[in-house]
Amino acid sequence: MRRVFHRSANTLSRVTIFGFVFLFAAVLWITIAIGRSSYVTDVGVARPQPVPFSHQHHAGNVGIDCRYCHVTVETSAFAGMPATQICMQCHSQIWSTSPLLEPVRASFSSGHPLQWTRVHNLPRFTYFDHSIHVKQGVGCSTCHGRVDQMSETVAVKPMYMEWCVDCHRNVGKYLRPREEVFNMNWQLPANQLALGGKLIADYHIKDARSLIACSTCHR
């Protein structure tokens, strides 16, 4: 029988097939790497703000409680951004003529709120309630990191679904007593799993199956 293709065509076809597999794997790896990079997640990226506000100074050095500025964090889904009046309670007397705070003074005079840039911005199809997590013993630093050490506020977690689901599946690993929720210096104790199990019972937290139900976060 007369050969249609040269014998080298077999080698070429094998190289092409294997090359396509490696190319596909490389493209997949690059796609995943980009998806987890700060370019997409914004982790560690400082966003420009109307005022150079430092949590390190206010929450860390001065020791202002989170709830002083984020007034609705215990009562609503949204933690709340500080109203200009809250800023002026201090800055009408402290640094009252600083050029850096001119946007704050202008906002207070005009009645137009400052347009802060969100650092953590979940998709609209995701429902998140700050008050529920606070009441169940999830600390601020668990999700937001050591904000009291940030001169510029940045995200420390990618806020991907897998990260949220891991917490919901293993709630006991992350809970703390309610009175420690706003304590940035709180550290997980050696008996965290035992403590977490106790808090799950004390706070009447649902079982993992209901916490990872789609309707919990997507309504």
N, C-alpha and C. Protein backbone atom coordinates (compact mmCIF):
# COMPACT_ATOMS: atom_id res chain seq x y z
N MET A 1 0.85 -1.19 0.00
CA MET A 1 0.00 0.00 0.00
C MET A 1 0.89 1.24 0.00
N ARG A 2 0.54 2.19 -0.85
CA ARG A 2 1.35 3.39 -0.95
C ARG A 2 1.09 4.30 0.24
N ARG A 3 2.16 4.79 0.86
CA ARG A 3 2.05 5.65 2.03
C ARG A 3 1.66 7.05 1.58
N VAL A 4 0.62 7.61 2.24
CA VAL A 4 0.16 8.97 1.91
C VAL A 4 1.02 10.01 2.61
N PHE A 5 1.29 9.77 3.91
CA PHE A 5 2.08 10.71 4.70
C PHE A 5 3.46 10.14 4.97
N HIS A 6 4.42 11.01 5.08
CA HIS A 6 5.77 10.59 5.41
C HIS A 6 5.81 10.10 6.85
N ARG A 7 6.77 9.22 7.18
CA ARG A 7 6.88 8.64 8.51
C ARG A 7 7.04 9.74 9.58
N SER A 8 7.66 10.85 9.22
CA SER A 8 7.89 11.93 10.17
C SER A 8 6.58 12.58 10.63
N ALA A 9 5.49 12.36 9.89
CA ALA A 9 4.20 12.94 10.27
C ALA A 9 3.73 12.39 11.61
N ASN A 10 4.08 11.13 11.91
CA ASN A 10 3.71 10.55 13.22
C ASN A 10 4.36 11.33 14.36
N THR A 11 5.65 11.60 14.19
CA THR A 11 6.37 12.36 15.22
C THR A 11 5.80 13.77 15.36
N LEU A 12 5.52 14.38 14.22
CA LEU A 12 4.97 15.74 14.23
C LEU A 12 3.61 15.78 14.93
N SER A 13 2.78 14.79 14.68
CA SER A 13 1.46 14.77 15.30
C SER A 13 1.56 14.60 16.81
N ARG A 14 2.50 13.74 17.26
CA ARG A 14 2.68 13.53 18.70
C ARG A 14 3.17 14.82 19.37
N VAL A 15 4.15 15.46 18.73
CA VAL A 15 4.68 16.72 19.27
C VAL A 15 3.58 17.77 19.34
N THR A 16 2.75 17.82 18.32
CA THR A 16 1.67 18.81 18.29
C THR A 16 0.67 18.57 19.41
N ILE A 17 0.30 17.29 19.62
CA ILE A 17 -0.67 16.95 20.67
C ILE A 17 -0.11 17.29 22.04
N PHE A 18 1.13 16.82 22.31
CA PHE A 18 1.73 17.11 23.61
C PHE A 18 1.98 18.60 23.79
N GLY A 19 2.37 19.26 22.70
CA GLY A 19 2.59 20.71 22.77
C GLY A 19 1.30 21.45 23.12
N PHE A 20 0.19 21.00 22.55
CA PHE A 20 -1.10 21.64 22.84
C PHE A 20 -1.48 21.44 24.31
N VAL A 21 -1.20 20.24 24.84
CA VAL A 21 -1.50 19.97 26.26
C VAL A 21 -0.70 20.89 27.16
N PHE A 22 0.61 21.02 26.88
CA PHE A 22 1.45 21.89 27.69
C PHE A 22 1.05 23.36 27.53
N LEU A 23 0.68 23.74 26.31
CA LEU A 23 0.24 25.12 26.07
C LEU A 23 -1.04 25.42 26.83
N PHE A 24 -1.97 24.47 26.81
CA PHE A 24 -3.23 24.64 27.55
C PHE A 24 -2.96 24.77 29.04
N ALA A 25 -2.07 23.91 29.56
CA ALA A 25 -1.72 23.96 30.99
C ALA A 25 -1.07 25.28 31.35
N ALA A 26 -0.21 25.79 30.46
CA ALA A 26 0.46 27.06 30.72
C ALA A 26 -0.53 28.22 30.73
N VAL A 27 -1.45 28.21 29.77
CA VAL A 27 -2.47 29.27 29.71
C VAL A 27 -3.36 29.22 30.95
N LEU A 28 -3.73 28.00 31.37
CA LEU A 28 -4.56 27.84 32.57
C LEU A 28 -3.83 28.36 33.80
N TRP A 29 -2.54 28.02 33.93
CA TRP A 29 -1.74 28.47 35.07
C TRP A 29 -1.62 29.98 35.09
N ILE A 30 -1.37 30.57 33.94
CA ILE A 30 -1.24 32.03 33.85
C ILE A 30 -2.56 32.71 34.21
N THR A 31 -3.68 32.14 33.74
CA THR A 31 -4.99 32.70 34.05
C THR A 31 -5.28 32.68 35.55
N ILE A 32 -4.98 31.54 36.19
CA ILE A 32 -5.19 31.42 37.64
C ILE A 32 -4.27 32.38 38.39
N ALA A 33 -3.01 32.48 37.95
CA ALA A 33 -2.05 33.36 38.62
C ALA A 33 -2.50 34.82 38.53
N ILE A 34 -3.00 35.22 37.37
CA ILE A 34 -3.48 36.60 37.22
C ILE A 34 -4.71 36.83 38.09
N GLY A 35 -5.60 35.81 38.12
CA GLY A 35 -6.83 35.93 38.90
C GLY A 35 -6.58 36.06 40.39
N ARG A 36 -5.43 35.55 40.86
CA ARG A 36 -5.09 35.63 42.28
C ARG A 36 -4.07 36.73 42.58
N SER A 37 -3.69 37.46 41.58
CA SER A 37 -2.71 38.53 41.78
C SER A 37 -3.40 39.80 42.27
N SER A 38 -2.61 40.70 42.81
CA SER A 38 -3.16 41.97 43.31
C SER A 38 -3.76 42.80 42.19
N TYR A 39 -3.37 42.51 40.93
CA TYR A 39 -3.93 43.24 39.80
C TYR A 39 -5.44 43.04 39.71
N VAL A 40 -5.91 41.86 40.13
CA VAL A 40 -7.35 41.54 40.09
C VAL A 40 -7.97 41.68 41.47
N THR A 41 -7.31 41.18 42.50
CA THR A 41 -7.89 41.15 43.85
C THR A 41 -7.73 42.47 44.60
N ASP A 42 -6.77 43.30 44.17
CA ASP A 42 -6.45 44.57 44.85
C ASP A 42 -5.88 44.37 46.25
N VAL A 43 -5.47 43.15 46.59
CA VAL A 43 -4.86 42.91 47.88
C VAL A 43 -3.53 43.67 47.97
N GLY A 44 -3.40 44.46 49.03
CA GLY A 44 -2.18 45.23 49.23
C GLY A 44 -2.09 46.50 48.42
N VAL A 45 -3.14 46.82 47.67
CA VAL A 45 -3.13 48.01 46.82
C VAL A 45 -3.86 49.16 47.54
N ALA A 46 -3.17 50.26 47.74
CA ALA A 46 -3.77 51.44 48.39
C ALA A 46 -4.50 52.27 47.35
N ARG A 47 -5.77 52.54 47.60
CA ARG A 47 -6.57 53.33 46.68
C ARG A 47 -6.52 54.81 47.07
N PRO A 48 -6.53 55.71 46.11
CA PRO A 48 -6.51 57.14 46.43
C PRO A 48 -7.79 57.55 47.15
N GLN A 49 -7.64 58.37 48.18
CA GLN A 49 -8.76 58.83 48.99
C GLN A 49 -8.80 60.36 48.97
N PRO A 50 -9.95 60.95 49.26
CA PRO A 50 -10.05 62.42 49.27
C PRO A 50 -9.21 63.05 50.37
N VAL A 51 -8.93 62.28 51.44
CA VAL A 51 -8.11 62.75 52.56
C VAL A 51 -7.14 61.63 52.93
N PRO A 52 -5.88 61.93 53.18
CA PRO A 52 -4.92 60.87 53.55
C PRO A 52 -5.16 60.39 54.97
N PHE A 53 -6.18 59.58 55.14
CA PHE A 53 -6.56 59.11 56.47
C PHE A 53 -5.70 57.92 56.86
N SER A 54 -5.17 57.94 58.10
CA SER A 54 -4.32 56.86 58.59
C SER A 54 -5.00 56.14 59.74
N HIS A 55 -5.36 54.87 59.52
CA HIS A 55 -5.89 54.05 60.61
C HIS A 55 -4.80 53.80 61.65
N GLN A 56 -3.56 53.73 61.20
CA GLN A 56 -2.46 53.50 62.13
C GLN A 56 -2.42 54.60 63.19
N HIS A 57 -2.63 55.83 62.75
CA HIS A 57 -2.61 56.96 63.70
C HIS A 57 -3.87 56.97 64.55
N HIS A 58 -5.05 56.90 63.91
CA HIS A 58 -6.30 57.08 64.63
C HIS A 58 -6.67 55.86 65.49
N ALA A 59 -6.61 54.66 64.89
CA ALA A 59 -7.00 53.45 65.63
C ALA A 59 -5.84 52.87 66.43
N GLY A 60 -4.63 53.00 65.90
CA GLY A 60 -3.47 52.42 66.57
C GLY A 60 -2.88 53.32 67.63
N ASN A 61 -2.36 54.47 67.21
CA ASN A 61 -1.67 55.36 68.14
C ASN A 61 -2.63 56.06 69.11
N VAL A 62 -3.72 56.61 68.58
CA VAL A 62 -4.67 57.35 69.41
C VAL A 62 -5.62 56.40 70.13
N GLY A 63 -5.88 55.24 69.52
CA GLY A 63 -6.73 54.24 70.17
C GLY A 63 -8.22 54.46 70.01
N ILE A 64 -8.62 55.09 68.91
CA ILE A 64 -10.05 55.32 68.66
C ILE A 64 -10.71 53.99 68.29
N ASP A 65 -11.80 53.66 68.92
CA ASP A 65 -12.54 52.42 68.67
C ASP A 65 -13.16 52.45 67.27
N CYS A 66 -13.18 51.28 66.62
CA CYS A 66 -13.74 51.16 65.27
C CYS A 66 -15.15 51.75 65.19
N ARG A 67 -15.94 51.52 66.23
CA ARG A 67 -17.35 51.92 66.22
C ARG A 67 -17.57 53.42 66.30
N TYR A 68 -16.54 54.16 66.67
CA TYR A 68 -16.67 55.62 66.74
C TYR A 68 -16.91 56.19 65.34
N CYS A 69 -16.23 55.63 64.34
CA CYS A 69 -16.38 56.09 62.95
C CYS A 69 -17.36 55.22 62.16
N HIS A 70 -17.27 53.91 62.34
CA HIS A 70 -18.15 52.98 61.62
C HIS A 70 -19.35 52.67 62.53
N VAL A 71 -20.26 53.62 62.57
CA VAL A 71 -21.28 53.63 63.62
C VAL A 71 -22.35 52.55 63.46
N THR A 72 -22.52 52.01 62.27
CA THR A 72 -23.60 51.04 62.05
C THR A 72 -23.11 49.61 61.94
N VAL A 73 -21.84 49.36 62.26
CA VAL A 73 -21.27 48.03 62.06
C VAL A 73 -21.95 46.97 62.92
N GLU A 74 -22.54 47.37 64.05
CA GLU A 74 -23.20 46.41 64.94
C GLU A 74 -24.69 46.28 64.67
N THR A 75 -25.22 47.13 63.82
CA THR A 75 -26.68 47.16 63.65
C THR A 75 -27.16 46.98 62.23
N SER A 76 -26.29 47.02 61.25
CA SER A 76 -26.74 46.91 59.86
C SER A 76 -25.74 46.13 59.02
N ALA A 77 -26.14 45.85 57.79
CA ALA A 77 -25.26 45.11 56.88
C ALA A 77 -24.03 45.91 56.52
N PHE A 78 -24.17 47.22 56.43
CA PHE A 78 -23.09 48.10 56.03
C PHE A 78 -22.43 48.71 57.26
N ALA A 79 -21.11 48.64 57.33
CA ALA A 79 -20.41 49.15 58.51
C ALA A 79 -20.54 50.65 58.65
N GLY A 80 -20.77 51.34 57.54
CA GLY A 80 -20.94 52.78 57.57
C GLY A 80 -19.63 53.53 57.41
N MET A 81 -19.65 54.58 56.62
CA MET A 81 -18.49 55.46 56.49
C MET A 81 -18.69 56.65 57.41
N PRO A 82 -17.64 57.16 57.99
CA PRO A 82 -17.79 58.26 58.95
C PRO A 82 -18.33 59.52 58.30
N ALA A 83 -19.34 60.10 58.93
CA ALA A 83 -19.86 61.38 58.46
C ALA A 83 -18.84 62.47 58.75
N THR A 84 -18.87 63.53 57.96
CA THR A 84 -17.92 64.63 58.16
C THR A 84 -18.04 65.21 59.56
N GLN A 85 -19.26 65.19 60.11
CA GLN A 85 -19.45 65.73 61.46
C GLN A 85 -18.61 64.97 62.49
N ILE A 86 -18.45 63.66 62.27
CA ILE A 86 -17.63 62.85 63.19
C ILE A 86 -16.17 63.30 63.11
N CYS A 87 -15.69 63.54 61.91
CA CYS A 87 -14.31 64.02 61.75
C CYS A 87 -14.13 65.37 62.44
N MET A 88 -15.12 66.24 62.28
CA MET A 88 -15.00 67.61 62.79
C MET A 88 -15.16 67.68 64.30
N GLN A 89 -15.68 66.65 64.92
CA GLN A 89 -15.75 66.66 66.37
C GLN A 89 -14.36 66.82 66.98
N CYS A 90 -13.37 66.27 66.31
CA CYS A 90 -11.98 66.43 66.76
C CYS A 90 -11.29 67.56 66.00
N HIS A 91 -11.47 67.56 64.68
CA HIS A 91 -10.66 68.45 63.84
C HIS A 91 -11.17 69.88 63.75
N SER A 92 -12.23 70.20 64.47
CA SER A 92 -12.58 71.61 64.63
C SER A 92 -11.63 72.26 65.64
N GLN A 93 -10.91 71.39 66.39
CA GLN A 93 -9.98 71.89 67.40
C GLN A 93 -8.55 71.42 67.14
N ILE A 94 -8.40 70.22 66.58
CA ILE A 94 -7.08 69.65 66.33
C ILE A 94 -6.78 69.72 64.83
N TRP A 95 -5.63 70.28 64.48
CA TRP A 95 -5.25 70.44 63.06
C TRP A 95 -6.34 71.19 62.30
N SER A 96 -6.95 72.15 62.93
CA SER A 96 -8.11 72.83 62.34
C SER A 96 -7.78 73.67 61.12
N THR A 97 -6.50 73.97 60.91
CA THR A 97 -6.11 74.77 59.75
C THR A 97 -5.19 74.00 58.80
N SER A 98 -5.06 72.70 59.01
CA SER A 98 -4.15 71.90 58.16
C SER A 98 -4.64 71.86 56.72
N PRO A 99 -3.78 72.12 55.76
CA PRO A 99 -4.16 72.04 54.34
C PRO A 99 -4.66 70.64 53.96
N LEU A 100 -4.12 69.60 54.61
CA LEU A 100 -4.53 68.23 54.29
C LEU A 100 -6.01 68.00 54.60
N LEU A 101 -6.54 68.75 55.55
CA LEU A 101 -7.93 68.55 55.98
C LEU A 101 -8.89 69.54 55.34
N GLU A 102 -8.41 70.28 54.35
CA GLU A 102 -9.29 71.23 53.66
C GLU A 102 -10.52 70.54 53.05
N PRO A 103 -10.39 69.35 52.44
CA PRO A 103 -11.59 68.67 51.93
C PRO A 103 -12.62 68.37 53.03
N VAL A 104 -12.16 68.09 54.24
CA VAL A 104 -13.07 67.81 55.35
C VAL A 104 -13.81 69.10 55.73
N ARG A 105 -13.08 70.20 55.83
CA ARG A 105 -13.71 71.47 56.18
C ARG A 105 -14.68 71.91 55.09
N ALA A 106 -14.32 71.70 53.84
CA ALA A 106 -15.20 72.08 52.74
C ALA A 106 -16.47 71.23 52.76
N SER A 107 -16.32 69.95 53.06
CA SER A 107 -17.48 69.07 53.16
C SER A 107 -18.41 69.50 54.29
N PHE A 108 -17.81 69.86 55.40
CA PHE A 108 -18.60 70.29 56.56
C PHE A 108 -19.35 71.59 56.26
N SER A 109 -18.71 72.49 55.55
CA SER A 109 -19.33 73.79 55.24
C SER A 109 -20.43 73.66 54.20
N SER A 110 -20.20 72.80 53.20
CA SER A 110 -21.16 72.67 52.10
C SER A 110 -22.27 71.68 52.38
N GLY A 111 -22.00 70.73 53.28
CA GLY A 111 -22.99 69.68 53.55
C GLY A 111 -22.90 68.51 52.59
N HIS A 112 -21.93 68.56 51.67
CA HIS A 112 -21.74 67.46 50.73
C HIS A 112 -20.75 66.45 51.33
N PRO A 113 -21.13 65.17 51.43
CA PRO A 113 -20.25 64.19 52.06
C PRO A 113 -18.99 63.94 51.26
N LEU A 114 -17.95 63.55 51.95
CA LEU A 114 -16.71 63.16 51.28
C LEU A 114 -16.94 61.88 50.47
N GLN A 115 -16.35 61.80 49.32
CA GLN A 115 -16.50 60.63 48.45
C GLN A 115 -15.33 59.68 48.67
N TRP A 116 -15.45 58.84 49.71
CA TRP A 116 -14.40 57.88 50.01
C TRP A 116 -14.40 56.76 48.96
N THR A 117 -13.24 56.24 48.66
CA THR A 117 -13.11 55.12 47.73
C THR A 117 -13.14 53.82 48.52
N ARG A 118 -14.05 52.93 48.15
CA ARG A 118 -14.17 51.67 48.87
C ARG A 118 -12.93 50.80 48.66
N VAL A 119 -12.49 50.18 49.75
CA VAL A 119 -11.35 49.27 49.69
C VAL A 119 -11.84 47.84 49.51
N HIS A 120 -12.91 47.48 50.21
CA HIS A 120 -13.53 46.17 50.07
C HIS A 120 -14.86 46.34 49.36
N ASN A 121 -14.95 45.85 48.15
CA ASN A 121 -16.13 46.08 47.33
C ASN A 121 -16.62 44.75 46.77
N LEU A 122 -17.58 44.13 47.44
CA LEU A 122 -18.10 42.84 47.01
C LEU A 122 -19.04 43.01 45.82
N PRO A 123 -19.17 41.98 44.98
CA PRO A 123 -20.11 42.05 43.86
C PRO A 123 -21.54 42.24 44.35
N ARG A 124 -22.38 42.81 43.54
CA ARG A 124 -23.76 43.08 43.93
C ARG A 124 -24.56 41.80 44.19
N PHE A 125 -24.13 40.70 43.57
CA PHE A 125 -24.89 39.46 43.76
C PHE A 125 -24.50 38.75 45.06
N THR A 126 -23.60 39.35 45.82
CA THR A 126 -23.17 38.75 47.09
C THR A 126 -23.73 39.56 48.25
N TYR A 127 -24.42 38.87 49.16
CA TYR A 127 -24.98 39.53 50.33
C TYR A 127 -24.07 39.31 51.53
N PHE A 128 -23.69 40.40 52.17
CA PHE A 128 -22.84 40.32 53.36
C PHE A 128 -23.39 41.26 54.42
N ASP A 129 -23.51 40.77 55.64
CA ASP A 129 -24.05 41.57 56.74
C ASP A 129 -23.01 41.69 57.84
N HIS A 130 -22.50 42.90 58.05
CA HIS A 130 -21.50 43.11 59.10
C HIS A 130 -22.06 42.78 60.48
N SER A 131 -23.29 43.20 60.74
CA SER A 131 -23.85 43.05 62.09
C SER A 131 -23.96 41.59 62.51
N ILE A 132 -24.31 40.71 61.57
CA ILE A 132 -24.43 39.29 61.88
C ILE A 132 -23.08 38.72 62.29
N HIS A 133 -22.04 39.06 61.54
CA HIS A 133 -20.71 38.53 61.83
C HIS A 133 -20.18 39.07 63.16
N VAL A 134 -20.42 40.35 63.43
CA VAL A 134 -19.98 40.94 64.69
C VAL A 134 -20.67 40.26 65.87
N LYS A 135 -21.97 40.05 65.74
CA LYS A 135 -22.73 39.43 66.84
C LYS A 135 -22.33 37.98 67.07
N GLN A 136 -21.82 37.32 66.03
CA GLN A 136 -21.43 35.92 66.16
C GLN A 136 -19.97 35.75 66.55
N GLY A 137 -19.26 36.86 66.78
CA GLY A 137 -17.90 36.75 67.28
C GLY A 137 -16.81 36.71 66.24
N VAL A 138 -17.06 37.28 65.07
CA VAL A 138 -16.02 37.37 64.04
C VAL A 138 -15.35 38.74 64.18
N GLY A 139 -14.06 38.74 64.47
CA GLY A 139 -13.34 39.99 64.72
C GLY A 139 -13.07 40.78 63.45
N CYS A 140 -12.91 42.08 63.61
CA CYS A 140 -12.61 42.95 62.46
C CYS A 140 -11.33 42.51 61.76
N SER A 141 -10.30 42.19 62.55
CA SER A 141 -9.01 41.84 61.96
C SER A 141 -9.03 40.51 61.22
N THR A 142 -10.04 39.67 61.49
CA THR A 142 -10.13 38.38 60.79
C THR A 142 -10.28 38.60 59.29
N CYS A 143 -11.05 39.59 58.91
CA CYS A 143 -11.28 39.87 57.49
C CYS A 143 -10.44 41.05 56.99
N HIS A 144 -10.28 42.06 57.84
CA HIS A 144 -9.64 43.30 57.39
C HIS A 144 -8.17 43.40 57.76
N GLY A 145 -7.66 42.43 58.53
CA GLY A 145 -6.27 42.48 58.92
C GLY A 145 -6.02 43.52 60.02
N ARG A 146 -4.76 43.76 60.31
CA ARG A 146 -4.40 44.73 61.35
C ARG A 146 -4.52 46.14 60.81
N VAL A 147 -5.75 46.59 60.71
CA VAL A 147 -6.01 47.93 60.19
C VAL A 147 -5.32 48.98 61.04
N ASP A 148 -5.20 48.71 62.34
CA ASP A 148 -4.58 49.67 63.24
C ASP A 148 -3.10 49.86 62.97
N GLN A 149 -2.53 49.08 62.06
CA GLN A 149 -1.12 49.22 61.69
C GLN A 149 -0.95 49.73 60.26
N MET A 150 -2.05 50.15 59.64
CA MET A 150 -2.02 50.59 58.24
C MET A 150 -2.05 52.12 58.15
N SER A 151 -1.00 52.69 57.59
CA SER A 151 -1.02 54.13 57.32
C SER A 151 -1.94 54.42 56.14
N GLU A 152 -2.03 53.46 55.22
CA GLU A 152 -3.00 53.52 54.13
C GLU A 152 -3.79 52.22 54.16
N THR A 153 -5.09 52.32 54.10
CA THR A 153 -5.93 51.14 54.23
C THR A 153 -5.90 50.31 52.95
N VAL A 154 -5.58 49.03 53.10
CA VAL A 154 -5.53 48.13 51.95
C VAL A 154 -6.26 46.83 52.32
N ALA A 155 -6.69 46.11 51.31
CA ALA A 155 -7.30 44.80 51.53
C ALA A 155 -6.19 43.78 51.80
N VAL A 156 -6.44 42.86 52.72
CA VAL A 156 -5.45 41.82 53.02
C VAL A 156 -5.95 40.44 52.61
N LYS A 157 -7.22 40.33 52.25
CA LYS A 157 -7.80 39.07 51.80
C LYS A 157 -8.45 39.28 50.44
N PRO A 158 -8.44 38.26 49.57
CA PRO A 158 -8.99 38.44 48.23
C PRO A 158 -10.51 38.48 48.18
N MET A 159 -11.18 38.10 49.29
CA MET A 159 -12.64 38.10 49.35
C MET A 159 -13.25 37.19 48.28
N TYR A 160 -12.52 36.14 47.91
CA TYR A 160 -13.07 35.18 46.96
C TYR A 160 -14.06 34.26 47.68
N MET A 161 -14.91 33.63 46.89
CA MET A 161 -15.93 32.74 47.44
C MET A 161 -15.30 31.60 48.24
N GLU A 162 -14.21 31.05 47.76
CA GLU A 162 -13.58 29.92 48.44
C GLU A 162 -13.11 30.31 49.84
N TRP A 163 -12.69 31.57 49.99
CA TRP A 163 -12.24 32.06 51.29
C TRP A 163 -13.42 32.16 52.26
N CYS A 164 -14.53 32.70 51.78
CA CYS A 164 -15.73 32.81 52.62
C CYS A 164 -16.27 31.42 52.99
N VAL A 165 -16.31 30.52 52.02
CA VAL A 165 -16.84 29.18 52.27
C VAL A 165 -15.97 28.42 53.26
N ASP A 166 -14.66 28.59 53.16
CA ASP A 166 -13.77 27.92 54.11
C ASP A 166 -14.08 28.35 55.54
N CYS A 167 -14.36 29.62 55.74
CA CYS A 167 -14.70 30.11 57.07
C CYS A 167 -16.04 29.54 57.52
N HIS A 168 -17.00 29.50 56.62
CA HIS A 168 -18.33 29.00 56.97
C HIS A 168 -18.31 27.51 57.26
N ARG A 169 -17.38 26.79 56.66
CA ARG A 169 -17.26 25.35 56.92
C ARG A 169 -16.53 25.08 58.23
N ASN A 170 -15.67 26.01 58.63
CA ASN A 170 -14.84 25.81 59.82
C ASN A 170 -14.98 27.01 60.75
N VAL A 171 -16.20 27.31 61.12
CA VAL A 171 -16.49 28.53 61.89
C VAL A 171 -15.68 28.59 63.18
N GLY A 172 -15.54 27.46 63.85
CA GLY A 172 -14.87 27.44 65.14
C GLY A 172 -13.44 27.91 65.11
N LYS A 173 -12.80 27.87 63.96
CA LYS A 173 -11.41 28.29 63.84
C LYS A 173 -11.24 29.80 63.93
N TYR A 174 -12.34 30.54 63.73
CA TYR A 174 -12.21 31.98 63.58
C TYR A 174 -12.96 32.80 64.64
N LEU A 175 -13.78 32.15 65.45
CA LEU A 175 -14.60 32.90 66.40
C LEU A 175 -13.80 33.37 67.60
N ARG A 176 -14.26 34.46 68.19
CA ARG A 176 -13.69 34.98 69.42
C ARG A 176 -14.85 35.49 70.29
N PRO A 177 -14.65 35.70 71.56
CA PRO A 177 -15.72 36.26 72.39
C PRO A 177 -16.17 37.62 71.85
N ARG A 178 -17.43 37.91 71.98
CA ARG A 178 -17.98 39.16 71.42
C ARG A 178 -17.25 40.39 71.95
N GLU A 179 -16.84 40.34 73.21
CA GLU A 179 -16.18 41.51 73.78
C GLU A 179 -14.78 41.74 73.19
N GLU A 180 -14.29 40.78 72.39
CA GLU A 180 -12.97 40.92 71.78
C GLU A 180 -13.04 41.20 70.28
N VAL A 181 -14.24 41.36 69.75
CA VAL A 181 -14.41 41.52 68.31
C VAL A 181 -13.63 42.73 67.78
N PHE A 182 -13.64 43.83 68.53
CA PHE A 182 -12.99 45.06 68.06
C PHE A 182 -11.57 45.23 68.61
N ASN A 183 -11.08 44.19 69.26
CA ASN A 183 -9.74 44.23 69.82
C ASN A 183 -8.73 43.77 68.77
N MET A 184 -7.97 44.71 68.23
CA MET A 184 -7.02 44.38 67.18
C MET A 184 -5.83 43.56 67.68
N ASN A 185 -5.58 43.58 68.96
CA ASN A 185 -4.44 42.86 69.52
C ASN A 185 -4.79 41.42 69.91
N TRP A 186 -6.04 41.03 69.74
CA TRP A 186 -6.46 39.69 70.16
C TRP A 186 -5.82 38.62 69.29
N GLN A 187 -5.30 37.58 69.93
CA GLN A 187 -4.65 36.48 69.22
C GLN A 187 -5.41 35.18 69.46
N LEU A 188 -5.39 34.30 68.45
CA LEU A 188 -6.04 33.00 68.61
C LEU A 188 -5.34 32.22 69.71
N PRO A 189 -6.07 31.72 70.69
CA PRO A 189 -5.44 30.95 71.77
C PRO A 189 -5.10 29.55 71.32
N ALA A 190 -4.32 28.85 72.11
CA ALA A 190 -3.92 27.48 71.79
C ALA A 190 -5.12 26.55 71.73
N ASN A 191 -6.15 26.83 72.52
CA ASN A 191 -7.35 25.99 72.54
C ASN A 191 -8.47 26.58 71.68
N GLN A 192 -8.10 27.18 70.55
CA GLN A 192 -9.08 27.87 69.71
C GLN A 192 -10.24 26.96 69.30
N LEU A 193 -9.96 25.73 68.92
CA LEU A 193 -11.04 24.84 68.47
C LEU A 193 -12.03 24.57 69.60
N ALA A 194 -11.52 24.38 70.80
CA ALA A 194 -12.41 24.17 71.95
C ALA A 194 -13.21 25.44 72.24
N LEU A 195 -12.52 26.58 72.20
CA LEU A 195 -13.20 27.86 72.42
C LEU A 195 -14.24 28.10 71.33
N GLY A 196 -13.86 27.82 70.08
CA GLY A 196 -14.79 28.02 68.97
C GLY A 196 -16.03 27.15 69.10
N GLY A 197 -15.83 25.90 69.51
CA GLY A 197 -16.97 25.00 69.71
C GLY A 197 -17.91 25.51 70.78
N LYS A 198 -17.34 26.05 71.84
CA LYS A 198 -18.16 26.60 72.93
C LYS A 198 -18.94 27.83 72.45
N LEU A 199 -18.27 28.69 71.69
CA LEU A 199 -18.93 29.91 71.20
C LEU A 199 -20.03 29.58 70.19
N ILE A 200 -19.82 28.54 69.38
CA ILE A 200 -20.85 28.11 68.44
C ILE A 200 -22.12 27.75 69.19
N ALA A 201 -21.97 27.05 70.32
CA ALA A 201 -23.13 26.67 71.13
C ALA A 201 -23.70 27.88 71.86
N ASP A 202 -22.83 28.71 72.43
CA ASP A 202 -23.30 29.86 73.19
C ASP A 202 -24.03 30.88 72.32
N TYR A 203 -23.54 31.07 71.09
CA TYR A 203 -24.13 32.08 70.21
C TYR A 203 -25.17 31.50 69.26
N HIS A 204 -25.46 30.20 69.42
CA HIS A 204 -26.51 29.52 68.63
C HIS A 204 -26.26 29.68 67.13
N ILE A 205 -25.03 29.39 66.73
CA ILE A 205 -24.67 29.50 65.32
C ILE A 205 -25.13 28.26 64.58
N LYS A 206 -25.62 28.47 63.38
CA LYS A 206 -26.16 27.38 62.57
C LYS A 206 -25.06 26.38 62.20
N ASP A 207 -25.50 25.19 61.82
CA ASP A 207 -24.53 24.17 61.40
C ASP A 207 -23.95 24.53 60.04
N ALA A 208 -22.81 23.91 59.72
CA ALA A 208 -22.06 24.25 58.51
C ALA A 208 -22.89 24.07 57.24
N ARG A 209 -23.76 23.07 57.21
CA ARG A 209 -24.53 22.82 55.99
C ARG A 209 -25.41 24.01 55.63
N SER A 210 -26.04 24.63 56.62
CA SER A 210 -26.87 25.78 56.32
C SER A 210 -26.03 27.02 56.03
N LEU A 211 -24.83 27.11 56.62
CA LEU A 211 -23.98 28.26 56.39
C LEU A 211 -23.38 28.29 54.98
N ILE A 212 -23.27 27.12 54.35
CA ILE A 212 -22.71 27.09 52.99
C ILE A 212 -23.80 26.93 51.94
N ALA A 213 -25.05 27.06 52.36
CA ALA A 213 -26.15 27.03 51.39
C ALA A 213 -26.05 28.27 50.49
N CYS A 214 -26.38 28.12 49.24
CA CYS A 214 -26.24 29.22 48.28
C CYS A 214 -27.01 30.46 48.73
N SER A 215 -28.20 30.25 49.29
CA SER A 215 -29.07 31.36 49.66
C SER A 215 -28.53 32.17 50.84
N THR A 216 -27.52 31.65 51.54
CA THR A 216 -26.94 32.39 52.66
C THR A 216 -26.27 33.67 52.18
N CYS A 217 -25.59 33.59 51.06
CA CYS A 217 -24.86 34.76 50.54
C CYS A 217 -25.43 35.30 49.23
N HIS A 218 -26.22 34.49 48.52
CA HIS A 218 -26.78 34.92 47.24
C HIS A 218 -28.29 34.92 47.34
N ARG A 219 -28.86 36.10 47.45
CA ARG A 219 -30.31 36.23 47.67
C ARG A 219 -30.99 36.96 46.54
